[in-house]
Amino acid sequence: GRFATFTVADTGPGIAEDALPLVFEAYWSGARHAGHGTGLGL
């Protein structure tokens, strides 16, 4: 009614529970997953 919720769902390997609070931090992915990007996307 007020908001539309968009979903991007995958069947991939998943993310560890202790990492979930960090995924939207700048540079996090770049630090934890070398070669997979800069960590700025999310």
Full PDB file with SEQRES, HELIX, SHEET, SSBOND, CRYST1, ORIGX, SCALE, CONECT and MASTER records, all heavy atoms in Angstrom:
SEQRES   1 A   42  GLY ARG PHE ALA THR PHE THR VAL ALA ASP THR GLY PRO          
SEQRES   2 A   42  GLY ILE ALA GLU ASP ALA LEU PRO LEU VAL PHE GLU ALA          
SEQRES   3 A   42  TYR TRP SER GLY ALA ARG HIS ALA GLY HIS GLY THR GLY          
SEQRES   4 A   42  LEU GLY LEU                                                  
HELIX    1 AA1 GLU A   17  LEU A   22  5                                   6    
HELIX    2 AA2 TRP A   28  ARG A   32  1                                   5    
CRYST1    1.000    1.000    1.000  90.00  90.00  90.00 P 1           1          
ORIGX1      1.000000  0.000000  0.000000        0.00000                         
ORIGX2      0.000000  1.000000  0.000000        0.00000                         
ORIGX3      0.000000  0.000000  1.000000        0.00000                         
SCALE1      1.000000  0.000000  0.000000        0.00000                         
SCALE2      0.000000  1.000000  0.000000        0.00000                         
SCALE3      0.000000  0.000000  1.000000        0.00000                         
ATOM      1  N   GLY A   1       0.806  -1.216   0.000  1.00  0.00           N  
ATOM      2  CA  GLY A   1       0.000   0.000   0.000  1.00  0.00           C  
ATOM      3  C   GLY A   1       0.837   1.263   0.000  1.00  0.00           C  
ATOM      4  O   GLY A   1       0.539   2.213  -0.715  1.00  0.00           O  
ATOM      5  N   ARG A   2       1.898   1.293   0.798  1.00  0.00           N  
ATOM      6  CA  ARG A   2       2.778   2.463   0.854  1.00  0.00           C  
ATOM      7  C   ARG A   2       4.129   2.212   0.197  1.00  0.00           C  
ATOM      8  O   ARG A   2       4.714   3.113  -0.407  1.00  0.00           O  
ATOM      9  CB  ARG A   2       3.002   2.890   2.310  1.00  0.00           C  
ATOM     10  CG  ARG A   2       1.779   3.459   2.996  1.00  0.00           C  
ATOM     11  CD  ARG A   2       2.148   3.964   4.377  1.00  0.00           C  
ATOM     12  NE  ARG A   2       3.194   4.972   4.297  1.00  0.00           N  
ATOM     13  CZ  ARG A   2       4.161   5.133   5.197  1.00  0.00           C  
ATOM     14  NH1 ARG A   2       4.239   4.305   6.237  1.00  0.00           N  
ATOM     15  NH2 ARG A   2       5.056   6.079   5.061  1.00  0.00           N  
ATOM     16  N   PHE A   3       4.622   0.994   0.353  1.00  0.00           N  
ATOM     17  CA  PHE A   3       5.945   0.662  -0.167  1.00  0.00           C  
ATOM     18  C   PHE A   3       5.889  -0.617  -0.999  1.00  0.00           C  
ATOM     19  O   PHE A   3       5.100  -1.516  -0.707  1.00  0.00           O  
ATOM     20  CB  PHE A   3       6.952   0.465   0.977  1.00  0.00           C  
ATOM     21  CG  PHE A   3       7.356   1.737   1.663  1.00  0.00           C  
ATOM     22  CD1 PHE A   3       6.622   2.217   2.737  1.00  0.00           C  
ATOM     23  CD2 PHE A   3       8.460   2.453   1.222  1.00  0.00           C  
ATOM     24  CE1 PHE A   3       6.994   3.395   3.371  1.00  0.00           C  
ATOM     25  CE2 PHE A   3       8.835   3.630   1.851  1.00  0.00           C  
ATOM     26  CZ  PHE A   3       8.099   4.104   2.926  1.00  0.00           C  
ATOM     27  N   ALA A   4       6.754  -0.667  -2.007  1.00  0.00           N  
ATOM     28  CA  ALA A   4       6.983  -1.905  -2.746  1.00  0.00           C  
ATOM     29  C   ALA A   4       8.284  -2.506  -2.231  1.00  0.00           C  
ATOM     30  O   ALA A   4       9.271  -1.789  -2.029  1.00  0.00           O  
ATOM     31  CB  ALA A   4       7.088  -1.636  -4.238  1.00  0.00           C  
ATOM     32  N   THR A   5       8.271  -3.808  -1.997  1.00  0.00           N  
ATOM     33  CA  THR A   5       9.476  -4.503  -1.532  1.00  0.00           C  
ATOM     34  C   THR A   5      10.035  -5.338  -2.677  1.00  0.00           C  
ATOM     35  O   THR A   5       9.375  -6.259  -3.162  1.00  0.00           O  
ATOM     36  CB  THR A   5       9.158  -5.415  -0.338  1.00  0.00           C  
ATOM     37  OG1 THR A   5       8.629  -4.626   0.735  1.00  0.00           O  
ATOM     38  CG2 THR A   5      10.423  -6.123   0.140  1.00  0.00           C  
ATOM     39  N   PHE A   6      11.241  -4.998  -3.106  1.00  0.00           N  
ATOM     40  CA  PHE A   6      11.905  -5.720  -4.187  1.00  0.00           C  
ATOM     41  C   PHE A   6      12.838  -6.772  -3.583  1.00  0.00           C  
ATOM     42  O   PHE A   6      13.438  -6.550  -2.532  1.00  0.00           O  
ATOM     43  CB  PHE A   6      12.694  -4.763  -5.071  1.00  0.00           C  
ATOM     44  CG  PHE A   6      11.829  -3.845  -5.882  1.00  0.00           C  
ATOM     45  CD1 PHE A   6      11.384  -2.644  -5.355  1.00  0.00           C  
ATOM     46  CD2 PHE A   6      11.433  -4.202  -7.160  1.00  0.00           C  
ATOM     47  CE1 PHE A   6      10.569  -1.804  -6.097  1.00  0.00           C  
ATOM     48  CE2 PHE A   6      10.619  -3.372  -7.917  1.00  0.00           C  
ATOM     49  CZ  PHE A   6      10.175  -2.163  -7.378  1.00  0.00           C  
ATOM     50  N   THR A   7      12.937  -7.899  -4.267  1.00  0.00           N  
ATOM     51  CA  THR A   7      13.690  -9.042  -3.746  1.00  0.00           C  
ATOM     52  C   THR A   7      14.687  -9.542  -4.782  1.00  0.00           C  
ATOM     53  O   THR A   7      14.369  -9.664  -5.962  1.00  0.00           O  
ATOM     54  CB  THR A   7      12.736 -10.197  -3.386  1.00  0.00           C  
ATOM     55  OG1 THR A   7      11.767  -9.733  -2.450  1.00  0.00           O  
ATOM     56  CG2 THR A   7      13.499 -11.361  -2.783  1.00  0.00           C  
ATOM     57  N   VAL A   8      15.908  -9.804  -4.316  1.00  0.00           N  
ATOM     58  CA  VAL A   8      16.919 -10.488  -5.118  1.00  0.00           C  
ATOM     59  C   VAL A   8      17.354 -11.699  -4.294  1.00  0.00           C  
ATOM     60  O   VAL A   8      18.069 -11.564  -3.298  1.00  0.00           O  
ATOM     61  CB  VAL A   8      18.133  -9.584  -5.416  1.00  0.00           C  
ATOM     62  CG1 VAL A   8      19.173 -10.349  -6.240  1.00  0.00           C  
ATOM     63  CG2 VAL A   8      17.698  -8.317  -6.145  1.00  0.00           C  
ATOM     64  N   ALA A   9      16.861 -12.887  -4.681  1.00  0.00           N  
ATOM     65  CA  ALA A   9      17.097 -14.108  -3.900  1.00  0.00           C  
ATOM     66  C   ALA A   9      17.943 -15.082  -4.709  1.00  0.00           C  
ATOM     67  O   ALA A   9      17.661 -15.328  -5.883  1.00  0.00           O  
ATOM     68  CB  ALA A   9      15.773 -14.759  -3.524  1.00  0.00           C  
ATOM     69  N   ASP A  10      18.973 -15.635  -4.080  1.00  0.00           N  
ATOM     70  CA  ASP A  10      19.817 -16.603  -4.781  1.00  0.00           C  
ATOM     71  C   ASP A  10      19.931 -17.894  -3.974  1.00  0.00           C  
ATOM     72  O   ASP A  10      19.637 -17.926  -2.778  1.00  0.00           O  
ATOM     73  CB  ASP A  10      21.204 -16.015  -5.059  1.00  0.00           C  
ATOM     74  CG  ASP A  10      22.038 -15.802  -3.804  1.00  0.00           C  
ATOM     75  OD1 ASP A  10      22.362 -16.788  -3.124  1.00  0.00           O  
ATOM     76  OD2 ASP A  10      22.372 -14.637  -3.497  1.00  0.00           O  
ATOM     77  N   THR A  11      20.343 -18.944  -4.655  1.00  0.00           N  
ATOM     78  CA  THR A  11      20.536 -20.254  -4.020  1.00  0.00           C  
ATOM     79  C   THR A  11      22.013 -20.540  -3.788  1.00  0.00           C  
ATOM     80  O   THR A  11      22.430 -21.693  -3.732  1.00  0.00           O  
ATOM     81  CB  THR A  11      19.925 -21.369  -4.892  1.00  0.00           C  
ATOM     82  OG1 THR A  11      20.587 -21.372  -6.169  1.00  0.00           O  
ATOM     83  CG2 THR A  11      18.441 -21.164  -5.096  1.00  0.00           C  
ATOM     84  N   GLY A  12      22.793 -19.480  -3.659  1.00  0.00           N  
ATOM     85  CA  GLY A  12      24.236 -19.615  -3.499  1.00  0.00           C  
ATOM     86  C   GLY A  12      24.655 -20.136  -2.140  1.00  0.00           C  
ATOM     87  O   GLY A  12      23.823 -20.639  -1.360  1.00  0.00           O  
ATOM     88  N   PRO A  13      25.943 -20.003  -1.802  1.00  0.00           N  
ATOM     89  CA  PRO A  13      26.483 -20.611  -0.584  1.00  0.00           C  
ATOM     90  C   PRO A  13      26.037 -19.949   0.709  1.00  0.00           C  
ATOM     91  O   PRO A  13      26.200 -20.513   1.783  1.00  0.00           O  
ATOM     92  CB  PRO A  13      27.997 -20.477  -0.770  1.00  0.00           C  
ATOM     93  CG  PRO A  13      28.161 -19.325  -1.712  1.00  0.00           C  
ATOM     94  CD  PRO A  13      26.985 -19.377  -2.626  1.00  0.00           C  
ATOM     95  N   GLY A  14      25.458 -18.745   0.626  1.00  0.00           N  
ATOM     96  CA  GLY A  14      24.997 -18.070   1.830  1.00  0.00           C  
ATOM     97  C   GLY A  14      26.097 -17.299   2.540  1.00  0.00           C  
ATOM     98  O   GLY A  14      27.276 -17.361   2.178  1.00  0.00           O  
ATOM     99  N   ILE A  15      25.692 -16.570   3.587  1.00  0.00           N  
ATOM    100  CA  ILE A  15      26.605 -15.719   4.341  1.00  0.00           C  
ATOM    101  C   ILE A  15      26.560 -16.134   5.810  1.00  0.00           C  
ATOM    102  O   ILE A  15      25.479 -16.364   6.360  1.00  0.00           O  
ATOM    103  CB  ILE A  15      26.205 -14.233   4.210  1.00  0.00           C  
ATOM    104  CG1 ILE A  15      26.192 -13.811   2.739  1.00  0.00           C  
ATOM    105  CG2 ILE A  15      27.144 -13.340   5.015  1.00  0.00           C  
ATOM    106  CD1 ILE A  15      25.585 -12.444   2.505  1.00  0.00           C  
ATOM    107  N   ALA A  16      27.708 -16.201   6.437  1.00  0.00           N  
ATOM    108  CA  ALA A  16      27.773 -16.582   7.847  1.00  0.00           C  
ATOM    109  C   ALA A  16      27.019 -15.567   8.708  1.00  0.00           C  
ATOM    110  O   ALA A  16      27.031 -14.367   8.428  1.00  0.00           O  
ATOM    111  CB  ALA A  16      29.221 -16.674   8.302  1.00  0.00           C  
ATOM    112  N   GLU A  17      26.378 -16.059   9.762  1.00  0.00           N  
ATOM    113  CA  GLU A  17      25.543 -15.196  10.611  1.00  0.00           C  
ATOM    114  C   GLU A  17      26.337 -14.042  11.209  1.00  0.00           C  
ATOM    115  O   GLU A  17      25.839 -12.914  11.285  1.00  0.00           O  
ATOM    116  CB  GLU A  17      24.919 -16.035  11.723  1.00  0.00           C  
ATOM    117  CG  GLU A  17      23.940 -15.253  12.588  1.00  0.00           C  
ATOM    118  CD  GLU A  17      23.272 -16.126  13.636  1.00  0.00           C  
ATOM    119  OE1 GLU A  17      23.540 -17.344  13.656  1.00  0.00           O  
ATOM    120  OE2 GLU A  17      22.485 -15.591  14.440  1.00  0.00           O  
ATOM    121  N   ASP A  18      27.580 -14.287  11.606  1.00  0.00           N  
ATOM    122  CA  ASP A  18      28.354 -13.219  12.233  1.00  0.00           C  
ATOM    123  C   ASP A  18      28.786 -12.146  11.240  1.00  0.00           C  
ATOM    124  O   ASP A  18      29.194 -11.048  11.640  1.00  0.00           O  
ATOM    125  CB  ASP A  18      29.582 -13.795  12.946  1.00  0.00           C  
ATOM    126  CG  ASP A  18      30.549 -14.473  11.983  1.00  0.00           C  
ATOM    127  OD1 ASP A  18      30.127 -14.798  10.846  1.00  0.00           O  
ATOM    128  OD2 ASP A  18      31.717 -14.675  12.353  1.00  0.00           O  
ATOM    129  N   ALA A  19      28.678 -12.433   9.936  1.00  0.00           N  
ATOM    130  CA  ALA A  19      29.055 -11.462   8.914  1.00  0.00           C  
ATOM    131  C   ALA A  19      27.893 -10.579   8.484  1.00  0.00           C  
ATOM    132  O   ALA A  19      28.113  -9.504   7.920  1.00  0.00           O  
ATOM    133  CB  ALA A  19      29.638 -12.175   7.694  1.00  0.00           C  
ATOM    134  N   LEU A  20      26.658 -11.006   8.721  1.00  0.00           N  
ATOM    135  CA  LEU A  20      25.491 -10.264   8.238  1.00  0.00           C  
ATOM    136  C   LEU A  20      25.453  -8.810   8.703  1.00  0.00           C  
ATOM    137  O   LEU A  20      25.096  -7.924   7.920  1.00  0.00           O  
ATOM    138  CB  LEU A  20      24.203 -10.986   8.650  1.00  0.00           C  
ATOM    139  CG  LEU A  20      23.892 -12.271   7.871  1.00  0.00           C  
ATOM    140  CD1 LEU A  20      22.667 -12.963   8.444  1.00  0.00           C  
ATOM    141  CD2 LEU A  20      23.681 -11.965   6.390  1.00  0.00           C  
ATOM    142  N   PRO A  21      25.798  -8.507   9.959  1.00  0.00           N  
ATOM    143  CA  PRO A  21      25.761  -7.094  10.370  1.00  0.00           C  
ATOM    144  C   PRO A  21      26.790  -6.211   9.665  1.00  0.00           C  
ATOM    145  O   PRO A  21      26.721  -4.989   9.754  1.00  0.00           O  
ATOM    146  CB  PRO A  21      26.055  -7.161  11.883  1.00  0.00           C  
ATOM    147  CG  PRO A  21      25.758  -8.554  12.290  1.00  0.00           C  
ATOM    148  CD  PRO A  21      26.119  -9.390  11.100  1.00  0.00           C  
ATOM    149  N   LEU A  22      27.737  -6.826   8.950  1.00  0.00           N  
ATOM    150  CA  LEU A  22      28.845  -6.075   8.358  1.00  0.00           C  
ATOM    151  C   LEU A  22      28.696  -5.837   6.856  1.00  0.00           C  
ATOM    152  O   LEU A  22      29.455  -5.057   6.284  1.00  0.00           O  
ATOM    153  CB  LEU A  22      30.165  -6.819   8.600  1.00  0.00           C  
ATOM    154  CG  LEU A  22      30.496  -7.181  10.049  1.00  0.00           C  
ATOM    155  CD1 LEU A  22      31.758  -8.027  10.092  1.00  0.00           C  
ATOM    156  CD2 LEU A  22      30.660  -5.936  10.899  1.00  0.00           C  
ATOM    157  N   VAL A  23      27.729  -6.502   6.214  1.00  0.00           N  
ATOM    158  CA  VAL A  23      27.725  -6.535   4.745  1.00  0.00           C  
ATOM    159  C   VAL A  23      27.498  -5.165   4.107  1.00  0.00           C  
ATOM    160  O   VAL A  23      27.879  -4.955   2.958  1.00  0.00           O  
ATOM    161  CB  VAL A  23      26.684  -7.540   4.205  1.00  0.00           C  
ATOM    162  CG1 VAL A  23      27.061  -8.957   4.589  1.00  0.00           C  
ATOM    163  CG2 VAL A  23      25.278  -7.191   4.690  1.00  0.00           C  
ATOM    164  N   PHE A  24      26.873  -4.233   4.829  1.00  0.00           N  
ATOM    165  CA  PHE A  24      26.610  -2.913   4.248  1.00  0.00           C  
ATOM    166  C   PHE A  24      27.674  -1.889   4.627  1.00  0.00           C  
ATOM    167  O   PHE A  24      27.520  -0.705   4.329  1.00  0.00           O  
ATOM    168  CB  PHE A  24      25.224  -2.412   4.679  1.00  0.00           C  
ATOM    169  CG  PHE A  24      24.099  -3.211   4.077  1.00  0.00           C  
ATOM    170  CD1 PHE A  24      23.373  -4.090   4.860  1.00  0.00           C  
ATOM    171  CD2 PHE A  24      23.771  -3.099   2.733  1.00  0.00           C  
ATOM    172  CE1 PHE A  24      22.337  -4.830   4.317  1.00  0.00           C  
ATOM    173  CE2 PHE A  24      22.744  -3.835   2.177  1.00  0.00           C  
ATOM    174  CZ  PHE A  24      22.022  -4.717   2.973  1.00  0.00           C  
ATOM    175  N   GLU A  25      28.743  -2.327   5.278  1.00  0.00           N  
ATOM    176  CA  GLU A  25      29.814  -1.412   5.623  1.00  0.00           C  
ATOM    177  C   GLU A  25      30.748  -1.219   4.428  1.00  0.00           C  
ATOM    178  O   GLU A  25      31.017  -2.149   3.678  1.00  0.00           O  
ATOM    179  CB  GLU A  25      30.619  -1.944   6.810  1.00  0.00           C  
ATOM    180  CG  GLU A  25      29.835  -1.952   8.120  1.00  0.00           C  
ATOM    181  CD  GLU A  25      30.697  -2.371   9.285  1.00  0.00           C  
ATOM    182  OE1 GLU A  25      31.927  -2.536   9.094  1.00  0.00           O  
ATOM    183  OE2 GLU A  25      30.144  -2.529  10.387  1.00  0.00           O  
ATOM    184  N   ALA A  26      31.235   0.002   4.273  1.00  0.00           N  
ATOM    185  CA  ALA A  26      32.159   0.299   3.175  1.00  0.00           C  
ATOM    186  C   ALA A  26      33.427  -0.526   3.306  1.00  0.00           C  
ATOM    187  O   ALA A  26      33.973  -0.669   4.398  1.00  0.00           O  
ATOM    188  CB  ALA A  26      32.504   1.788   3.169  1.00  0.00           C  
ATOM    189  N   TYR A  27      33.871  -1.095   2.185  1.00  0.00           N  
ATOM    190  CA  TYR A  27      35.109  -1.862   2.057  1.00  0.00           C  
ATOM    191  C   TYR A  27      35.057  -3.246   2.683  1.00  0.00           C  
ATOM    192  O   TYR A  27      36.019  -3.997   2.568  1.00  0.00           O  
ATOM    193  CB  TYR A  27      36.317  -1.115   2.678  1.00  0.00           C  
ATOM    194  CG  TYR A  27      36.529   0.250   2.117  1.00  0.00           C  
ATOM    195  CD1 TYR A  27      36.399   1.379   2.928  1.00  0.00           C  
ATOM    196  CD2 TYR A  27      36.856   0.434   0.784  1.00  0.00           C  
ATOM    197  CE1 TYR A  27      36.587   2.652   2.416  1.00  0.00           C  
ATOM    198  CE2 TYR A  27      37.046   1.699   0.265  1.00  0.00           C  
ATOM    199  CZ  TYR A  27      36.907   2.802   1.084  1.00  0.00           C  
ATOM    200  OH  TYR A  27      37.095   4.055   0.584  1.00  0.00           O  
ATOM    201  N   TRP A  28      33.937  -3.619   3.336  1.00  0.00           N  
ATOM    202  CA  TRP A  28      33.938  -4.901   4.039  1.00  0.00           C  
ATOM    203  C   TRP A  28      34.203  -6.075   3.096  1.00  0.00           C  
ATOM    204  O   TRP A  28      35.049  -6.914   3.359  1.00  0.00           O  
ATOM    205  CB  TRP A  28      32.601  -5.124   4.753  1.00  0.00           C  
ATOM    206  CG  TRP A  28      32.552  -6.483   5.392  1.00  0.00           C  
ATOM    207  CD1 TRP A  28      33.110  -6.856   6.575  1.00  0.00           C  
ATOM    208  CD2 TRP A  28      31.954  -7.670   4.861  1.00  0.00           C  
ATOM    209  NE1 TRP A  28      32.902  -8.192   6.820  1.00  0.00           N  
ATOM    210  CE2 TRP A  28      32.187  -8.714   5.773  1.00  0.00           C  
ATOM    211  CE3 TRP A  28      31.236  -7.949   3.693  1.00  0.00           C  
ATOM    212  CZ2 TRP A  28      31.724 -10.010   5.561  1.00  0.00           C  
ATOM    213  CZ3 TRP A  28      30.785  -9.231   3.481  1.00  0.00           C  
ATOM    214  CH2 TRP A  28      31.022 -10.247   4.407  1.00  0.00           C  
ATOM    215  N   SER A  29      33.502  -6.122   1.973  1.00  0.00           N  
ATOM    216  CA  SER A  29      33.681  -7.246   1.056  1.00  0.00           C  
ATOM    217  C   SER A  29      35.115  -7.306   0.525  1.00  0.00           C  
ATOM    218  O   SER A  29      35.678  -8.371   0.396  1.00  0.00           O  
ATOM    219  CB  SER A  29      32.693  -7.141  -0.118  1.00  0.00           C  
ATOM    220  OG  SER A  29      32.868  -8.211  -1.019  1.00  0.00           O  
ATOM    221  N   GLY A  30      35.678  -6.126   0.224  1.00  0.00           N  
ATOM    222  CA  GLY A  30      37.029  -6.105  -0.287  1.00  0.00           C  
ATOM    223  C   GLY A  30      38.024  -6.675   0.710  1.00  0.00           C  
ATOM    224  O   GLY A  30      38.986  -7.322   0.349  1.00  0.00           O  
ATOM    225  N   ALA A  31      37.763  -6.449   1.993  1.00  0.00           N  
ATOM    226  CA  ALA A  31      38.680  -6.943   3.012  1.00  0.00           C  
ATOM    227  C   ALA A  31      38.524  -8.429   3.248  1.00  0.00           C  
ATOM    228  O   ALA A  31      39.486  -9.148   3.478  1.00  0.00           O  
ATOM    229  CB  ALA A  31      38.448  -6.176   4.321  1.00  0.00           C  
ATOM    230  N   ARG A  32      37.273  -8.931   3.179  1.00  0.00           N  
ATOM    231  CA  ARG A  32      37.010 -10.324   3.516  1.00  0.00           C  
ATOM    232  C   ARG A  32      37.062 -11.259   2.312  1.00  0.00           C  
ATOM    233  O   ARG A  32      37.276 -12.450   2.449  1.00  0.00           O  
ATOM    234  CB  ARG A  32      35.613 -10.434   4.156  1.00  0.00           C  
ATOM    235  CG  ARG A  32      35.535  -9.820   5.532  1.00  0.00           C  
ATOM    236  CD  ARG A  32      36.245 -10.704   6.558  1.00  0.00           C  
ATOM    237  NE  ARG A  32      35.627 -12.007   6.668  1.00  0.00           N  
ATOM    238  CZ  ARG A  32      34.623 -12.280   7.477  1.00  0.00           C  
ATOM    239  NH1 ARG A  32      34.109 -11.344   8.257  1.00  0.00           N  
ATOM    240  NH2 ARG A  32      34.107 -13.497   7.533  1.00  0.00           N  
ATOM    241  N   HIS A  33      36.833 -10.710   1.115  1.00  0.00           N  
ATOM    242  CA  HIS A  33      36.777 -11.555  -0.085  1.00  0.00           C  
ATOM    243  C   HIS A  33      37.671 -10.949  -1.165  1.00  0.00           C  
ATOM    244  O   HIS A  33      37.186 -10.354  -2.119  1.00  0.00           O  
ATOM    245  CB  HIS A  33      35.336 -11.679  -0.591  1.00  0.00           C  
ATOM    246  CG  HIS A  33      34.403 -12.231   0.437  1.00  0.00           C  
ATOM    247  ND1 HIS A  33      34.425 -13.536   0.833  1.00  0.00           N  
ATOM    248  CD2 HIS A  33      33.424 -11.643   1.161  1.00  0.00           C  
ATOM    249  CE1 HIS A  33      33.486 -13.747   1.754  1.00  0.00           C  
ATOM    250  NE2 HIS A  33      32.885 -12.620   1.967  1.00  0.00           N  
ATOM    251  N   ALA A  34      38.964 -11.095  -1.005  1.00  0.00           N  
ATOM    252  CA  ALA A  34      39.912 -10.494  -1.936  1.00  0.00           C  
ATOM    253  C   ALA A  34      39.624 -10.946  -3.360  1.00  0.00           C  
ATOM    254  O   ALA A  34      39.408 -12.115  -3.629  1.00  0.00           O  
ATOM    255  CB  ALA A  34      41.342 -10.880  -1.540  1.00  0.00           C  
ATOM    256  N   GLY A  35      39.626  -9.974  -4.270  1.00  0.00           N  
ATOM    257  CA  GLY A  35      39.400 -10.283  -5.673  1.00  0.00           C  
ATOM    258  C   GLY A  35      37.950 -10.249  -6.083  1.00  0.00           C  
ATOM    259  O   GLY A  35      37.631 -10.367  -7.263  1.00  0.00           O  
ATOM    260  N   HIS A  36      37.022 -10.077  -5.115  1.00  0.00           N  
ATOM    261  CA  HIS A  36      35.608 -10.055  -5.454  1.00  0.00           C  
ATOM    262  C   HIS A  36      35.038  -8.648  -5.535  1.00  0.00           C  
ATOM    263  O   HIS A  36      33.843  -8.479  -5.657  1.00  0.00           O  
ATOM    264  CB  HIS A  36      34.808 -10.870  -4.424  1.00  0.00           C  
ATOM    265  CG  HIS A  36      34.950 -12.355  -4.616  1.00  0.00           C  
ATOM    266  ND1 HIS A  36      34.336 -13.027  -5.634  1.00  0.00           N  
ATOM    267  CD2 HIS A  36      35.665 -13.275  -3.930  1.00  0.00           C  
ATOM    268  CE1 HIS A  36      34.633 -14.319  -5.552  1.00  0.00           C  
ATOM    269  NE2 HIS A  36      35.450 -14.490  -4.538  1.00  0.00           N  
ATOM    270  N   GLY A  37      35.837  -7.625  -5.408  1.00  0.00           N  
ATOM    271  CA  GLY A  37      35.331  -6.269  -5.541  1.00  0.00           C  
ATOM    272  C   GLY A  37      35.907  -5.353  -4.477  1.00  0.00           C  
ATOM    273  O   GLY A  37      36.763  -5.742  -3.679  1.00  0.00           O  
ATOM    274  N   THR A  38      35.426  -4.106  -4.477  1.00  0.00           N  
ATOM    275  CA  THR A  38      35.957  -3.102  -3.560  1.00  0.00           C  
ATOM    276  C   THR A  38      35.234  -3.093  -2.230  1.00  0.00           C  
ATOM    277  O   THR A  38      35.710  -2.480  -1.270  1.00  0.00           O  
ATOM    278  CB  THR A  38      35.802  -1.706  -4.178  1.00  0.00           C  
ATOM    279  OG1 THR A  38      34.413  -1.429  -4.354  1.00  0.00           O  
ATOM    280  CG2 THR A  38      36.510  -1.620  -5.516  1.00  0.00           C  
ATOM    281  N   GLY A  39      34.071  -3.712  -2.145  1.00  0.00           N  
ATOM    282  CA  GLY A  39      33.309  -3.672  -0.905  1.00  0.00           C  
ATOM    283  C   GLY A  39      32.446  -2.444  -0.771  1.00  0.00           C  
ATOM    284  O   GLY A  39      31.906  -2.174   0.306  1.00  0.00           O  
ATOM    285  N   LEU A  40      32.287  -1.667  -1.854  1.00  0.00           N  
ATOM    286  CA  LEU A  40      31.458  -0.463  -1.797  1.00  0.00           C  
ATOM    287  C   LEU A  40      30.057  -0.686  -2.359  1.00  0.00           C  
ATOM    288  O   LEU A  40      29.171   0.140  -2.149  1.00  0.00           O  
ATOM    289  CB  LEU A  40      32.127   0.678  -2.581  1.00  0.00           C  
ATOM    290  CG  LEU A  40      33.369   1.296  -1.943  1.00  0.00           C  
ATOM    291  CD1 LEU A  40      33.957   2.353  -2.860  1.00  0.00           C  
ATOM    292  CD2 LEU A  40      33.041   1.893  -0.586  1.00  0.00           C  
ATOM    293  N   GLY A  41      29.845  -1.792  -3.061  1.00  0.00           N  
ATOM    294  CA  GLY A  41      28.574  -1.994  -3.756  1.00  0.00           C  
ATOM    295  C   GLY A  41      27.360  -1.940  -2.851  1.00  0.00           C  
ATOM    296  O   GLY A  41      26.417  -1.191  -3.094  1.00  0.00           O  
ATOM    297  N   LEU A  42      27.358  -2.745  -1.789  1.00  0.00           N  
ATOM    298  CA  LEU A  42      26.199  -2.784  -0.900  1.00  0.00           C  
ATOM    299  C   LEU A  42      26.106  -1.527  -0.043  1.00  0.00           C  
ATOM    300  O   LEU A  42      25.012  -1.094   0.324  1.00  0.00           O  
ATOM    301  CB  LEU A  42      26.242  -4.034  -0.024  1.00  0.00           C  
ATOM    302  CG  LEU A  42      26.013  -5.353  -0.756  1.00  0.00           C  
ATOM    303  CD1 LEU A  42      26.062  -6.524   0.221  1.00  0.00           C  
ATOM    304  CD2 LEU A  42      24.673  -5.355  -1.496  1.00  0.00           C  
TER     305      LEU A  42                                                      
MASTER        0    0    0    2    0    0    0    6  304    1    0    4          
END                                                                             
